[in-house]
Amino acid sequence: MFVLKRFLAAIAVCLVCISLISTAAADGAPGISPNEPGSQTSAEGINLQLVASANGDVVAIRIQECETCQPTTFLPSPNMEIVVGDKIVDVKAALSLRGRGGAVLYNSQNLSAEVVIFYGR
């Protein structure tokens, strides 16, 4: 039952995120334009992980979209942001969130992650 509640909460958060992204795209927000090549696309899943080098730089972002799905891997963009709930966090804080549900907003042209969103508790 607890897993079902978490799953339903994650879906609700996803719907809010999609709504916000759609609203921003409709308003012509910078960086989000659904009709341009290279616009942002999202991948969301149940298992989001950052892979960091020994010096703490993010070298890859992996997200598993379903329990039986293979993880999708993205490279970080130079200005990638990591968000938890409504706060931007640093890599060190995000590494402790390994395995949470979340979403990756990525550039559909070069597949680089621009925003990594860990769903808040």
PDB file of N, CA and C in Angstrom:
ATOM      1  N   MET A   1       0.821  -1.191   0.000  1.00  0.00           N
ATOM      2  CA  MET A   1       0.000   0.000   0.000  1.00  0.00           C
ATOM      3  C   MET A   1       0.864   1.253   0.000  1.00  0.00           C
ATOM      4  N   PHE A   2       1.966   1.214   0.782  1.00  0.00           N
ATOM      5  CA  PHE A   2       2.866   2.361   0.840  1.00  0.00           C
ATOM      6  C   PHE A   2       3.468   2.659  -0.531  1.00  0.00           C
ATOM      7  N   VAL A   3       3.834   1.597  -1.264  1.00  0.00           N
ATOM      8  CA  VAL A   3       4.415   1.768  -2.597  1.00  0.00           C
ATOM      9  C   VAL A   3       3.389   2.393  -3.533  1.00  0.00           C
ATOM     10  N   LEU A   4       2.149   1.964  -3.438  1.00  0.00           N
ATOM     11  CA  LEU A   4       1.096   2.523  -4.269  1.00  0.00           C
ATOM     12  C   LEU A   4       0.896   4.004  -3.971  1.00  0.00           C
ATOM     13  N   LYS A   5       0.912   4.378  -2.708  1.00  0.00           N
ATOM     14  CA  LYS A   5       0.757   5.786  -2.338  1.00  0.00           C
ATOM     15  C   LYS A   5       1.905   6.618  -2.881  1.00  0.00           C
ATOM     16  N   ARG A   6       3.151   6.109  -2.782  1.00  0.00           N
ATOM     17  CA  ARG A   6       4.312   6.833  -3.318  1.00  0.00           C
ATOM     18  C   ARG A   6       4.208   6.974  -4.827  1.00  0.00           C
ATOM     19  N   PHE A   7       3.753   5.904  -5.494  1.00  0.00           N
ATOM     20  CA  PHE A   7       3.593   5.926  -6.936  1.00  0.00           C
ATOM     21  C   PHE A   7       2.562   6.971  -7.348  1.00  0.00           C
ATOM     22  N   LEU A   8       1.428   6.996  -6.662  1.00  0.00           N
ATOM     23  CA  LEU A   8       0.387   7.978  -6.978  1.00  0.00           C
ATOM     24  C   LEU A   8       0.861   9.399  -6.694  1.00  0.00           C
ATOM     25  N   ALA A   9       1.634   9.584  -5.627  1.00  0.00           N
ATOM     26  CA  ALA A   9       2.189  10.905  -5.331  1.00  0.00           C
ATOM     27  C   ALA A   9       3.165  11.322  -6.420  1.00  0.00           C
ATOM     28  N   ALA A  10       3.968  10.390  -6.899  1.00  0.00           N
ATOM     29  CA  ALA A  10       4.924  10.697  -7.972  1.00  0.00           C
ATOM     30  C   ALA A  10       4.190  11.082  -9.251  1.00  0.00           C
ATOM     31  N   ILE A  11       3.103  10.393  -9.554  1.00  0.00           N
ATOM     32  CA  ILE A  11       2.315  10.741 -10.739  1.00  0.00           C
ATOM     33  C   ILE A  11       1.729  12.138 -10.600  1.00  0.00           C
ATOM     34  N   ALA A  12       1.244  12.474  -9.420  1.00  0.00           N
ATOM     35  CA  ALA A  12       0.685  13.813  -9.202  1.00  0.00           C
ATOM     36  C   ALA A  12       1.756  14.880  -9.414  1.00  0.00           C
ATOM     37  N   VAL A  13       2.959  14.640  -8.906  1.00  0.00           N
ATOM     38  CA  VAL A  13       4.053  15.595  -9.094  1.00  0.00           C
ATOM     39  C   VAL A  13       4.403  15.699 -10.573  1.00  0.00           C
ATOM     40  N   CYS A  14       4.409  14.570 -11.275  1.00  0.00           N
ATOM     41  CA  CYS A  14       4.704  14.578 -12.710  1.00  0.00           C
ATOM     42  C   CYS A  14       3.694  15.429 -13.469  1.00  0.00           C
ATOM     43  N   LEU A  15       2.434  15.271 -13.119  1.00  0.00           N
ATOM     44  CA  LEU A  15       1.395  16.047 -13.794  1.00  0.00           C
ATOM     45  C   LEU A  15       1.568  17.540 -13.541  1.00  0.00           C
ATOM     46  N   VAL A  16       1.963  17.907 -12.325  1.00  0.00           N
ATOM     47  CA  VAL A  16       2.217  19.313 -12.012  1.00  0.00           C
ATOM     48  C   VAL A  16       3.396  19.822 -12.828  1.00  0.00           C
ATOM     49  N   CYS A  17       4.476  19.032 -12.895  1.00  0.00           N
ATOM     50  CA  CYS A  17       5.657  19.435 -13.670  1.00  0.00           C
ATOM     51  C   CYS A  17       5.302  19.606 -15.142  1.00  0.00           C
ATOM     52  N   ILE A  18       4.554  18.660 -15.695  1.00  0.00           N
ATOM     53  CA  ILE A  18       4.158  18.747 -17.096  1.00  0.00           C
ATOM     54  C   ILE A  18       3.306  19.979 -17.320  1.00  0.00           C
ATOM     55  N   SER A  19       2.406  20.257 -16.392  1.00  0.00           N
ATOM     56  CA  SER A  19       1.564  21.441 -16.501  1.00  0.00           C
ATOM     57  C   SER A  19       2.394  22.718 -16.483  1.00  0.00           C
ATOM     58  N   LEU A  20       3.372  22.781 -15.574  1.00  0.00           N
ATOM     59  CA  LEU A  20       4.233  23.965 -15.492  1.00  0.00           C
ATOM     60  C   LEU A  20       5.070  24.131 -16.748  1.00  0.00           C
ATOM     61  N   ILE A  21       5.608  23.037 -17.272  1.00  0.00           N
ATOM     62  CA  ILE A  21       6.415  23.108 -18.484  1.00  0.00           C
ATOM     63  C   ILE A  21       5.557  23.537 -19.662  1.00  0.00           C
ATOM     64  N   SER A  22       4.344  22.984 -19.758  1.00  0.00           N
ATOM     65  CA  SER A  22       3.441  23.355 -20.848  1.00  0.00           C
ATOM     66  C   SER A  22       3.056  24.819 -20.769  1.00  0.00           C
ATOM     67  N   THR A  23       2.794  25.304 -19.557  1.00  0.00           N
ATOM     68  CA  THR A  23       2.442  26.706 -19.366  1.00  0.00           C
ATOM     69  C   THR A  23       3.608  27.605 -19.747  1.00  0.00           C
ATOM     70  N   ALA A  24       4.817  27.231 -19.334  1.00  0.00           N
ATOM     71  CA  ALA A  24       5.995  28.026 -19.663  1.00  0.00           C
ATOM     72  C   ALA A  24       6.227  28.048 -21.165  1.00  0.00           C
ATOM     73  N   ALA A  25       6.034  26.912 -21.833  1.00  0.00           N
ATOM     74  CA  ALA A  25       6.220  26.852 -23.278  1.00  0.00           C
ATOM     75  C   ALA A  25       5.181  27.711 -23.981  1.00  0.00           C
ATOM     76  N   ALA A  26       3.937  27.676 -23.503  1.00  0.00           N
ATOM     77  CA  ALA A  26       2.880  28.482 -24.101  1.00  0.00           C
ATOM     78  C   ALA A  26       3.129  29.970 -23.904  1.00  0.00           C
ATOM     79  N   ASP A  27       3.745  30.331 -22.779  1.00  0.00           N
ATOM     80  CA  ASP A  27       4.043  31.726 -22.499  1.00  0.00           C
ATOM     81  C   ASP A  27       5.305  32.212 -23.191  1.00  0.00           C
ATOM     82  N   GLY A  28       5.998  31.315 -23.890  1.00  0.00           N
ATOM     83  CA  GLY A  28       7.212  31.700 -24.582  1.00  0.00           C
ATOM     84  C   GLY A  28       8.395  31.886 -23.650  1.00  0.00           C
ATOM     85  N   ALA A  29       8.467  31.113 -22.592  1.00  0.00           N
ATOM     86  CA  ALA A  29       9.580  31.222 -21.650  1.00  0.00           C
ATOM     87  C   ALA A  29      10.885  30.889 -22.348  1.00  0.00           C
ATOM     88  N   PRO A  30      11.966  31.582 -22.001  1.00  0.00           N
ATOM     89  CA  PRO A  30      13.242  31.303 -22.643  1.00  0.00           C
ATOM     90  C   PRO A  30      13.697  29.880 -22.368  1.00  0.00           C
ATOM     91  N   GLY A  31      14.261  29.255 -23.383  1.00  0.00           N
ATOM     92  CA  GLY A  31      14.798  27.910 -23.227  1.00  0.00           C
ATOM     93  C   GLY A  31      13.776  26.806 -23.412  1.00  0.00           C
ATOM     94  N   ILE A  32      12.498  27.146 -23.473  1.00  0.00           N
ATOM     95  CA  ILE A  32      11.472  26.122 -23.654  1.00  0.00           C
ATOM     96  C   ILE A  32      10.594  26.526 -24.833  1.00  0.00           C
ATOM     97  N   SER A  33      10.846  25.902 -25.949  1.00  0.00           N
ATOM     98  CA  SER A  33      10.062  26.181 -27.141  1.00  0.00           C
ATOM     99  C   SER A  33       9.824  24.875 -27.881  1.00  0.00           C
ATOM    100  N   PRO A  34       8.603  24.349 -27.833  1.00  0.00           N
ATOM    101  CA  PRO A  34       8.352  23.022 -28.364  1.00  0.00           C
ATOM    102  C   PRO A  34       8.509  22.912 -29.871  1.00  0.00           C
ATOM    103  N   ASN A  35       8.533  24.012 -30.599  1.00  0.00           N
ATOM    104  CA  ASN A  35       8.596  23.962 -32.049  1.00  0.00           C
ATOM    105  C   ASN A  35       9.998  24.131 -32.609  1.00  0.00           C
ATOM    106  N   GLU A  36      10.993  24.377 -31.771  1.00  0.00           N
ATOM    107  CA  GLU A  36      12.347  24.571 -32.246  1.00  0.00           C
ATOM    108  C   GLU A  36      13.149  23.298 -32.098  1.00  0.00           C
ATOM    109  N   PRO A  37      14.054  23.023 -33.093  1.00  0.00           N
ATOM    110  CA  PRO A  37      14.953  21.894 -32.890  1.00  0.00           C
ATOM    111  C   PRO A  37      15.829  22.171 -31.672  1.00  0.00           C
ATOM    112  N   GLY A  38      16.121  21.148 -30.901  1.00  0.00           N
ATOM    113  CA  GLY A  38      16.958  21.342 -29.721  1.00  0.00           C
ATOM    114  C   GLY A  38      16.181  21.806 -28.510  1.00  0.00           C
ATOM    115  N   SER A  39      14.845  21.753 -28.582  1.00  0.00           N
ATOM    116  CA  SER A  39      14.060  22.177 -27.433  1.00  0.00           C
ATOM    117  C   SER A  39      14.133  21.116 -26.341  1.00  0.00           C
ATOM    118  N   GLN A  40      13.677  21.472 -25.152  1.00  0.00           N
ATOM    119  CA  GLN A  40      13.733  20.543 -24.027  1.00  0.00           C
ATOM    120  C   GLN A  40      12.677  19.454 -24.148  1.00  0.00           C
ATOM    121  N   THR A  41      13.090  18.280 -23.791  1.00  0.00           N
ATOM    122  CA  THR A  41      12.217  17.118 -23.707  1.00  0.00           C
ATOM    123  C   THR A  41      12.447  16.522 -22.332  1.00  0.00           C
ATOM    124  N   SER A  42      11.509  15.745 -21.838  1.00  0.00           N
ATOM    125  CA  SER A  42      11.699  15.188 -20.502  1.00  0.00           C
ATOM    126  C   SER A  42      11.637  13.667 -20.509  1.00  0.00           C
ATOM    127  N   ALA A  43      12.337  13.114 -19.556  1.00  0.00           N
ATOM    128  CA  ALA A  43      12.263  11.681 -19.263  1.00  0.00           C
ATOM    129  C   ALA A  43      12.030  11.600 -17.767  1.00  0.00           C
ATOM    130  N   GLU A  44      11.048  10.826 -17.349  1.00  0.00           N
ATOM    131  CA  GLU A  44      10.814  10.696 -15.918  1.00  0.00           C
ATOM    132  C   GLU A  44      10.752   9.236 -15.547  1.00  0.00           C
ATOM    133  N   GLY A  45      11.122   8.973 -14.310  1.00  0.00           N
ATOM    134  CA  GLY A  45      11.168   7.585 -13.927  1.00  0.00           C
ATOM    135  C   GLY A  45      11.198   7.351 -12.439  1.00  0.00           C
ATOM    136  N   ILE A  46      11.361   6.083 -12.111  1.00  0.00           N
ATOM    137  CA  ILE A  46      11.294   5.638 -10.723  1.00  0.00           C
ATOM    138  C   ILE A  46      12.659   5.559 -10.063  1.00  0.00           C
ATOM    139  N   ASN A  47      13.723   5.636 -10.850  1.00  0.00           N
ATOM    140  CA  ASN A  47      15.064   5.486 -10.314  1.00  0.00           C
ATOM    141  C   ASN A  47      15.993   6.462 -11.027  1.00  0.00           C
ATOM    142  N   LEU A  48      16.295   7.567 -10.369  1.00  0.00           N
ATOM    143  CA  LEU A  48      17.148   8.613 -10.934  1.00  0.00           C
ATOM    144  C   LEU A  48      18.470   8.615 -10.179  1.00  0.00           C
ATOM    145  N   GLN A  49      19.569   8.610 -10.924  1.00  0.00           N
ATOM    146  CA  GLN A  49      20.887   8.557 -10.294  1.00  0.00           C
ATOM    147  C   GLN A  49      21.859   9.492 -11.001  1.00  0.00           C
ATOM    148  N   LEU A  50      22.662  10.175 -10.209  1.00  0.00           N
ATOM    149  CA  LEU A  50      23.772  10.950 -10.745  1.00  0.00           C
ATOM    150  C   LEU A  50      25.026  10.107 -10.610  1.00  0.00           C
ATOM    151  N   VAL A  51      25.874  10.157 -11.615  1.00  0.00           N
ATOM    152  CA  VAL A  51      27.159   9.478 -11.568  1.00  0.00           C
ATOM    153  C   VAL A  51      28.203  10.579 -11.524  1.00  0.00           C
ATOM    154  N   ALA A  52      29.041  10.570 -10.466  1.00  0.00           N
ATOM    155  CA  ALA A  52      30.024  11.635 -10.281  1.00  0.00           C
ATOM    156  C   ALA A  52      31.439  11.065 -10.359  1.00  0.00           C
ATOM    157  N   SER A  53      32.354  11.922 -10.800  1.00  0.00           N
ATOM    158  CA  SER A  53      33.765  11.554 -10.830  1.00  0.00           C
ATOM    159  C   SER A  53      34.337  11.660  -9.422  1.00  0.00           C
ATOM    160  N   ALA A  54      35.589  11.268  -9.259  1.00  0.00           N
ATOM    161  CA  ALA A  54      36.242  11.325  -7.950  1.00  0.00           C
ATOM    162  C   ALA A  54      36.311  12.752  -7.400  1.00  0.00           C
ATOM    163  N   ASN A  55      36.363  13.751  -8.293  1.00  0.00           N
ATOM    164  CA  ASN A  55      36.422  15.132  -7.812  1.00  0.00           C
ATOM    165  C   ASN A  55      35.050  15.783  -7.663  1.00  0.00           C
ATOM    166  N   GLY A  56      33.968  14.985  -7.800  1.00  0.00           N
ATOM    167  CA  GLY A  56      32.627  15.494  -7.521  1.00  0.00           C
ATOM    168  C   GLY A  56      31.887  16.099  -8.693  1.00  0.00           C
ATOM    169  N   ASP A  57      32.429  15.996  -9.909  1.00  0.00           N
ATOM    170  CA  ASP A  57      31.725  16.512 -11.091  1.00  0.00           C
ATOM    171  C   ASP A  57      30.769  15.448 -11.620  1.00  0.00           C
ATOM    172  N   VAL A  58      29.584  15.859 -12.016  1.00  0.00           N
ATOM    173  CA  VAL A  58      28.624  14.921 -12.597  1.00  0.00           C
ATOM    174  C   VAL A  58      29.119  14.549 -13.996  1.00  0.00           C
ATOM    175  N   VAL A  59      29.243  13.243 -14.242  1.00  0.00           N
ATOM    176  CA  VAL A  59      29.691  12.775 -15.549  1.00  0.00           C
ATOM    177  C   VAL A  59      28.573  12.085 -16.327  1.00  0.00           C
ATOM    178  N   ALA A  60      27.504  11.707 -15.636  1.00  0.00           N
ATOM    179  CA  ALA A  60      26.368  11.076 -16.299  1.00  0.00           C
ATOM    180  C   ALA A  60      25.150  11.137 -15.398  1.00  0.00           C
ATOM    181  N   ILE A  61      23.990  11.082 -16.032  1.00  0.00           N
ATOM    182  CA  ILE A  61      22.721  11.033 -15.323  1.00  0.00           C
ATOM    183  C   ILE A  61      21.988   9.814 -15.866  1.00  0.00           C
ATOM    184  N   ARG A  62      21.532   8.937 -14.998  1.00  0.00           N
ATOM    185  CA  ARG A  62      20.805   7.739 -15.417  1.00  0.00           C
ATOM    186  C   ARG A  62      19.409   7.769 -14.822  1.00  0.00           C
ATOM    187  N   ILE A  63      18.449   7.418 -15.673  1.00  0.00           N
ATOM    188  CA  ILE A  63      17.075   7.341 -15.191  1.00  0.00           C
ATOM    189  C   ILE A  63      16.434   6.073 -15.739  1.00  0.00           C
ATOM    190  N   GLN A  64      15.773   5.352 -14.851  1.00  0.00           N
ATOM    191  CA  GLN A  64      15.062   4.132 -15.222  1.00  0.00           C
ATOM    192  C   GLN A  64      13.580   4.482 -15.198  1.00  0.00           C
ATOM    193  N   GLU A  65      12.933   4.376 -16.355  1.00  0.00           N
ATOM    194  CA  GLU A  65      11.561   4.850 -16.479  1.00  0.00           C
ATOM    195  C   GLU A  65      10.512   3.871 -15.963  1.00  0.00           C
ATOM    196  N   CYS A  66      10.861   2.598 -15.842  1.00  0.00           N
ATOM    197  CA  CYS A  66       9.950   1.613 -15.260  1.00  0.00           C
ATOM    198  C   CYS A  66      10.779   0.492 -14.659  1.00  0.00           C
ATOM    199  N   GLU A  67      10.138  -0.380 -13.883  1.00  0.00           N
ATOM    200  CA  GLU A  67      10.876  -1.438 -13.190  1.00  0.00           C
ATOM    201  C   GLU A  67      11.593  -2.379 -14.139  1.00  0.00           C
ATOM    202  N   THR A  68      11.025  -2.636 -15.309  1.00  0.00           N
ATOM    203  CA  THR A  68      11.638  -3.568 -16.256  1.00  0.00           C
ATOM    204  C   THR A  68      12.413  -2.859 -17.367  1.00  0.00           C
ATOM    205  N   CYS A  69      12.439  -1.532 -17.341  1.00  0.00           N
ATOM    206  CA  CYS A  69      13.136  -0.758 -18.383  1.00  0.00           C
ATOM    207  C   CYS A  69      14.633  -0.686 -18.113  1.00  0.00           C
ATOM    208  N   GLN A  70      15.403  -0.633 -19.185  1.00  0.00           N
ATOM    209  CA  GLN A  70      16.831  -0.370 -19.065  1.00  0.00           C
ATOM    210  C   GLN A  70      17.005   1.120 -18.784  1.00  0.00           C
ATOM    211  N   PRO A  71      17.986   1.509 -17.975  1.00  0.00           N
ATOM    212  CA  PRO A  71      18.204   2.936 -17.705  1.00  0.00           C
ATOM    213  C   PRO A  71      18.629   3.689 -18.967  1.00  0.00           C
ATOM    214  N   THR A  72      18.196   4.919 -19.060  1.00  0.00           N
ATOM    215  CA  THR A  72      18.633   5.828 -20.109  1.00  0.00           C
ATOM    216  C   THR A  72      19.706   6.716 -19.493  1.00  0.00           C
ATOM    217  N   THR A  73      20.787   6.947 -20.228  1.00  0.00           N
ATOM    218  CA  THR A  73      21.891   7.750 -19.716  1.00  0.00           C
ATOM    219  C   THR A  73      22.019   9.030 -20.517  1.00  0.00           C
ATOM    220  N   PHE A  74      22.186  10.131 -19.799  1.00  0.00           N
ATOM    221  CA  PHE A  74      22.396  11.443 -20.403  1.00  0.00           C
ATOM    222  C   PHE A  74      23.724  12.004 -19.913  1.00  0.00           C
ATOM    223  N   LEU A  75      24.357  12.816 -20.735  1.00  0.00           N
ATOM    224  CA  LEU A  75      25.527  13.567 -20.306  1.00  0.00           C
ATOM    225  C   LEU A  75      25.048  14.908 -19.773  1.00  0.00           C
ATOM    226  N   PRO A  76      25.732  15.483 -18.804  1.00  0.00           N
ATOM    227  CA  PRO A  76      25.297  16.773 -18.268  1.00  0.00           C
ATOM    228  C   PRO A  76      25.651  17.920 -19.221  1.00  0.00           C
ATOM    229  N   SER A  77      24.767  18.907 -19.296  1.00  0.00           N
ATOM    230  CA  SER A  77      25.101  20.126 -20.025  1.00  0.00           C
ATOM    231  C   SER A  77      26.003  20.969 -19.124  1.00  0.00           C
ATOM    232  N   PRO A  78      26.738  21.920 -19.676  1.00  0.00           N
ATOM    233  CA  PRO A  78      27.641  22.727 -18.848  1.00  0.00           C
ATOM    234  C   PRO A  78      26.958  23.488 -17.715  1.00  0.00           C
ATOM    235  N   ASN A  79      25.716  23.888 -17.904  1.00  0.00           N
ATOM    236  CA  ASN A  79      25.005  24.683 -16.896  1.00  0.00           C
ATOM    237  C   ASN A  79      23.863  23.908 -16.259  1.00  0.00           C
ATOM    238  N   MET A  80      24.018  22.605 -16.143  1.00  0.00           N
ATOM    239  CA  MET A  80      22.956  21.765 -15.610  1.00  0.00           C
ATOM    240  C   MET A  80      22.594  22.170 -14.178  1.00  0.00           C
ATOM    241  N   GLU A  81      21.297  22.187 -13.891  1.00  0.00           N
ATOM    242  CA  GLU A  81      20.799  22.466 -12.545  1.00  0.00           C
ATOM    243  C   GLU A  81      20.215  21.192 -11.960  1.00  0.00           C
ATOM    244  N   ILE A  82      20.376  21.052 -10.652  1.00  0.00           N
ATOM    245  CA  ILE A  82      19.808  19.920  -9.929  1.00  0.00           C
ATOM    246  C   ILE A  82      18.785  20.492  -8.953  1.00  0.00           C
ATOM    247  N   VAL A  83      17.560  19.999  -9.037  1.00  0.00           N
ATOM    248  CA  VAL A  83      16.461  20.540  -8.248  1.00  0.00           C
ATOM    249  C   VAL A  83      15.861  19.438  -7.385  1.00  0.00           C
ATOM    250  N   VAL A  84      15.601  19.777  -6.123  1.00  0.00           N
ATOM    251  CA  VAL A  84      14.881  18.885  -5.214  1.00  0.00           C
ATOM    252  C   VAL A  84      13.697  19.683  -4.693  1.00  0.00           C
ATOM    253  N   GLY A  85      12.497  19.201  -4.981  1.00  0.00           N
ATOM    254  CA  GLY A  85      11.312  19.961  -4.596  1.00  0.00           C
ATOM    255  C   GLY A  85      11.321  21.282  -5.355  1.00  0.00           C
ATOM    256  N   ASP A  86      11.484  22.379  -4.642  1.00  0.00           N
ATOM    257  CA  ASP A  86      11.546  23.685  -5.289  1.00  0.00           C
ATOM    258  C   ASP A  86      12.888  24.388  -5.061  1.00  0.00           C
ATOM    259  N   LYS A  87      13.921  23.621  -4.662  1.00  0.00           N
ATOM    260  CA  LYS A  87      15.225  24.205  -4.366  1.00  0.00           C
ATOM    261  C   LYS A  87      16.307  23.646  -5.281  1.00  0.00           C
ATOM    262  N   ILE A  88      17.208  24.507  -5.722  1.00  0.00           N
ATOM    263  CA  ILE A  88      18.379  24.070  -6.465  1.00  0.00           C
ATOM    264  C   ILE A  88      19.416  23.619  -5.444  1.00  0.00           C
ATOM    265  N   VAL A  89      19.992  22.436  -5.668  1.00  0.00           N
ATOM    266  CA  VAL A  89      20.970  21.876  -4.736  1.00  0.00           C
ATOM    267  C   VAL A  89      22.283  21.601  -5.467  1.00  0.00           C
ATOM    268  N   ASP A  90      23.343  21.377  -4.687  1.00  0.00           N
ATOM    269  CA  ASP A  90      24.633  21.053  -5.274  1.00  0.00           C
ATOM    270  C   ASP A  90      24.753  19.542  -5.490  1.00  0.00           C
ATOM    271  N   VAL A  91      25.820  19.151  -6.169  1.00  0.00           N
ATOM    272  CA  VAL A  91      26.027  17.743  -6.509  1.00  0.00           C
ATOM    273  C   VAL A  91      26.122  16.880  -5.257  1.00  0.00           C
ATOM    274  N   LYS A  92      26.842  17.350  -4.256  1.00  0.00           N
ATOM    275  CA  LYS A  92      27.024  16.565  -3.031  1.00  0.00           C
ATOM    276  C   LYS A  92      25.676  16.215  -2.393  1.00  0.00           C
ATOM    277  N   ALA A  93      24.794  17.188  -2.314  1.00  0.00           N
ATOM    278  CA  ALA A  93      23.463  16.934  -1.738  1.00  0.00           C
ATOM    279  C   ALA A  93      22.663  15.985  -2.621  1.00  0.00           C
ATOM    280  N   ALA A  94      22.792  16.124  -3.928  1.00  0.00           N
ATOM    281  CA  ALA A  94      22.020  15.289  -4.853  1.00  0.00           C
ATOM    282  C   ALA A  94      22.485  13.844  -4.861  1.00  0.00           C
ATOM    283  N   LEU A  95      23.756  13.609  -4.593  1.00  0.00           N
ATOM    284  CA  LEU A  95      24.264  12.234  -4.592  1.00  0.00           C
ATOM    285  C   LEU A  95      23.594  11.381  -3.514  1.00  0.00           C
ATOM    286  N   SER A  96      23.153  12.009  -2.444  1.00  0.00           N
ATOM    287  CA  SER A  96      22.480  11.259  -1.376  1.00  0.00           C
ATOM    288  C   SER A  96      21.053  10.864  -1.756  1.00  0.00           C
ATOM    289  N   LEU A  97      20.549  11.367  -2.864  1.00  0.00           N
ATOM    290  CA  LEU A  97      19.176  11.099  -3.295  1.00  0.00           C
ATOM    291  C   LEU A  97      19.089   9.949  -4.298  1.00  0.00           C
ATOM    292  N   ARG A  98      20.179   9.270  -4.501  1.00  0.00           N
ATOM    293  CA  ARG A  98      20.287   8.180  -5.482  1.00  0.00           C
ATOM    294  C   ARG A  98      19.117   7.202  -5.353  1.00  0.00           C
ATOM    295  N   GLY A  99      18.462   6.940  -6.480  1.00  0.00           N
ATOM    296  CA  GLY A  99      17.397   5.951  -6.511  1.00  0.00           C
ATOM    297  C   GLY A  99      15.998   6.499  -6.327  1.00  0.00           C
ATOM    298  N   ARG A 100      15.879   7.778  -6.052  1.00  0.00           N
ATOM    299  CA  ARG A 100      14.548   8.389  -5.938  1.00  0.00           C
ATOM    300  C   ARG A 100      13.929   8.542  -7.320  1.00  0.00           C
ATOM    301  N   GLY A 101      12.635   8.761  -7.326  1.00  0.00           N
ATOM    302  CA  GLY A 101      11.962   9.092  -8.569  1.00  0.00           C
ATOM    303  C   GLY A 101      12.309  10.515  -8.972  1.00  0.00           C
ATOM    304  N   GLY A 102      12.173  10.797 -10.247  1.00  0.00           N
ATOM    305  CA  GLY A 102      12.471  12.141 -10.708  1.00  0.00           C
ATOM    306  C   GLY A 102      12.298  12.285 -12.200  1.00  0.00           C
ATOM    307  N   ALA A 103      12.849  13.374 -12.703  1.00  0.00           N
ATOM    308  CA  ALA A 103      12.747  13.678 -14.126  1.00  0.00           C
ATOM    309  C   ALA A 103      14.027  14.348 -14.597  1.00  0.00           C
ATOM    310  N   VAL A 104      14.291  14.200 -15.884  1.00  0.00           N
ATOM    311  CA  VAL A 104      15.429  14.851 -16.511  1.00  0.00           C
ATOM    312  C   VAL A 104      14.882  15.661 -17.676  1.00  0.00           C
ATOM    313  N   LEU A 105      15.131  16.964 -17.662  1.00  0.00           N
ATOM    314  CA  LEU A 105      14.803  17.800 -18.810  1.00  0.00           C
ATOM    315  C   LEU A 105      16.074  17.876 -19.640  1.00  0.00           C
ATOM    316  N   TYR A 106      15.990  17.435 -20.887  1.00  0.00           N
ATOM    317  CA  TYR A 106      17.190  17.372 -21.703  1.00  0.00           C
ATOM    318  C   TYR A 106      16.967  18.016 -23.059  1.00  0.00           C
ATOM    319  N   ASN A 107      18.066  18.408 -23.667  1.00  0.00           N
ATOM    320  CA  ASN A 107      18.048  19.007 -24.985  1.00  0.00           C
ATOM    321  C   ASN A 107      17.822  17.882 -25.984  1.00  0.00           C
ATOM    322  N   SER A 108      16.744  17.936 -26.736  1.00  0.00           N
ATOM    323  CA  SER A 108      16.398  16.840 -27.633  1.00  0.00           C
ATOM    324  C   SER A 108      17.338  16.747 -28.832  1.00  0.00           C
ATOM    325  N   GLN A 109      18.111  17.785 -29.075  1.00  0.00           N
ATOM    326  CA  GLN A 109      19.033  17.754 -30.207  1.00  0.00           C
ATOM    327  C   GLN A 109      20.332  17.027 -29.856  1.00  0.00           C
ATOM    328  N   ASN A 110      20.909  17.324 -28.696  1.00  0.00           N
ATOM    329  CA  ASN A 110      22.186  16.707 -28.342  1.00  0.00           C
ATOM    330  C   ASN A 110      22.088  15.765 -27.127  1.00  0.00           C
ATOM    331  N   LEU A 111      20.882  15.576 -26.603  1.00  0.00           N
ATOM    332  CA  LEU A 111      20.611  14.666 -25.486  1.00  0.00           C
ATOM    333  C   LEU A 111      21.402  14.978 -24.222  1.00  0.00           C
ATOM    334  N   SER A 112      21.732  16.252 -24.000  1.00  0.00           N
ATOM    335  CA  SER A 112      22.419  16.632 -22.761  1.00  0.00           C
ATOM    336  C   SER A 112      21.391  17.082 -21.721  1.00  0.00           C
ATOM    337  N   ALA A 113      21.597  16.634 -20.491  1.00  0.00           N
ATOM    338  CA  ALA A 113      20.678  16.965 -19.398  1.00  0.00           C
ATOM    339  C   ALA A 113      20.859  18.427 -19.006  1.00  0.00           C
ATOM    340  N   GLU A 114      19.778  19.173 -18.961  1.00  0.00           N
ATOM    341  CA  GLU A 114      19.816  20.582 -18.584  1.00  0.00           C
ATOM    342  C   GLU A 114      19.301  20.803 -17.168  1.00  0.00           C
ATOM    343  N   VAL A 115      18.290  20.028 -16.779  1.00  0.00           N
ATOM    344  CA  VAL A 115      17.735  20.118 -15.429  1.00  0.00           C
ATOM    345  C   VAL A 115      17.446  18.703 -14.950  1.00  0.00           C
ATOM    346  N   VAL A 116      17.906  18.392 -13.752  1.00  0.00           N
ATOM    347  CA  VAL A 116      17.635  17.113 -13.118  1.00  0.00           C
ATOM    348  C   VAL A 116      16.743  17.410 -11.917  1.00  0.00           C
ATOM    349  N   ILE A 117      15.590  16.779 -11.864  1.00  0.00           N
ATOM    350  CA  ILE A 117      14.617  17.044 -10.805  1.00  0.00           C
ATOM    351  C   ILE A 117      14.407  15.775  -9.993  1.00  0.00           C
ATOM    352  N   PHE A 118      14.796  15.819  -8.732  1.00  0.00           N
ATOM    353  CA  PHE A 118      14.470  14.734  -7.797  1.00  0.00           C
ATOM    354  C   PHE A 118      13.174  15.131  -7.113  1.00  0.00           C
ATOM    355  N   TYR A 119      12.207  14.220  -7.103  1.00  0.00           N
ATOM    356  CA  TYR A 119      10.954  14.528  -6.448  1.00  0.00           C
ATOM    357  C   TYR A 119      11.173  14.654  -4.954  1.00  0.00           C
ATOM    358  N   GLY A 120      10.603  15.702  -4.363  1.00  0.00           N
ATOM    359  CA  GLY A 120      10.737  15.942  -2.927  1.00  0.00           C
ATOM    360  C   GLY A 120       9.916  14.956  -2.128  1.00  0.00           C
ATOM    361  N   ARG A 121      10.200  14.899  -0.855  1.00  0.00           N
ATOM    362  CA  ARG A 121       9.478  13.965   0.030  1.00  0.00           C
ATOM    363  C   ARG A 121       8.194  14.564   0.480  1.00  0.00           C
TER     364      ARG A 121
END
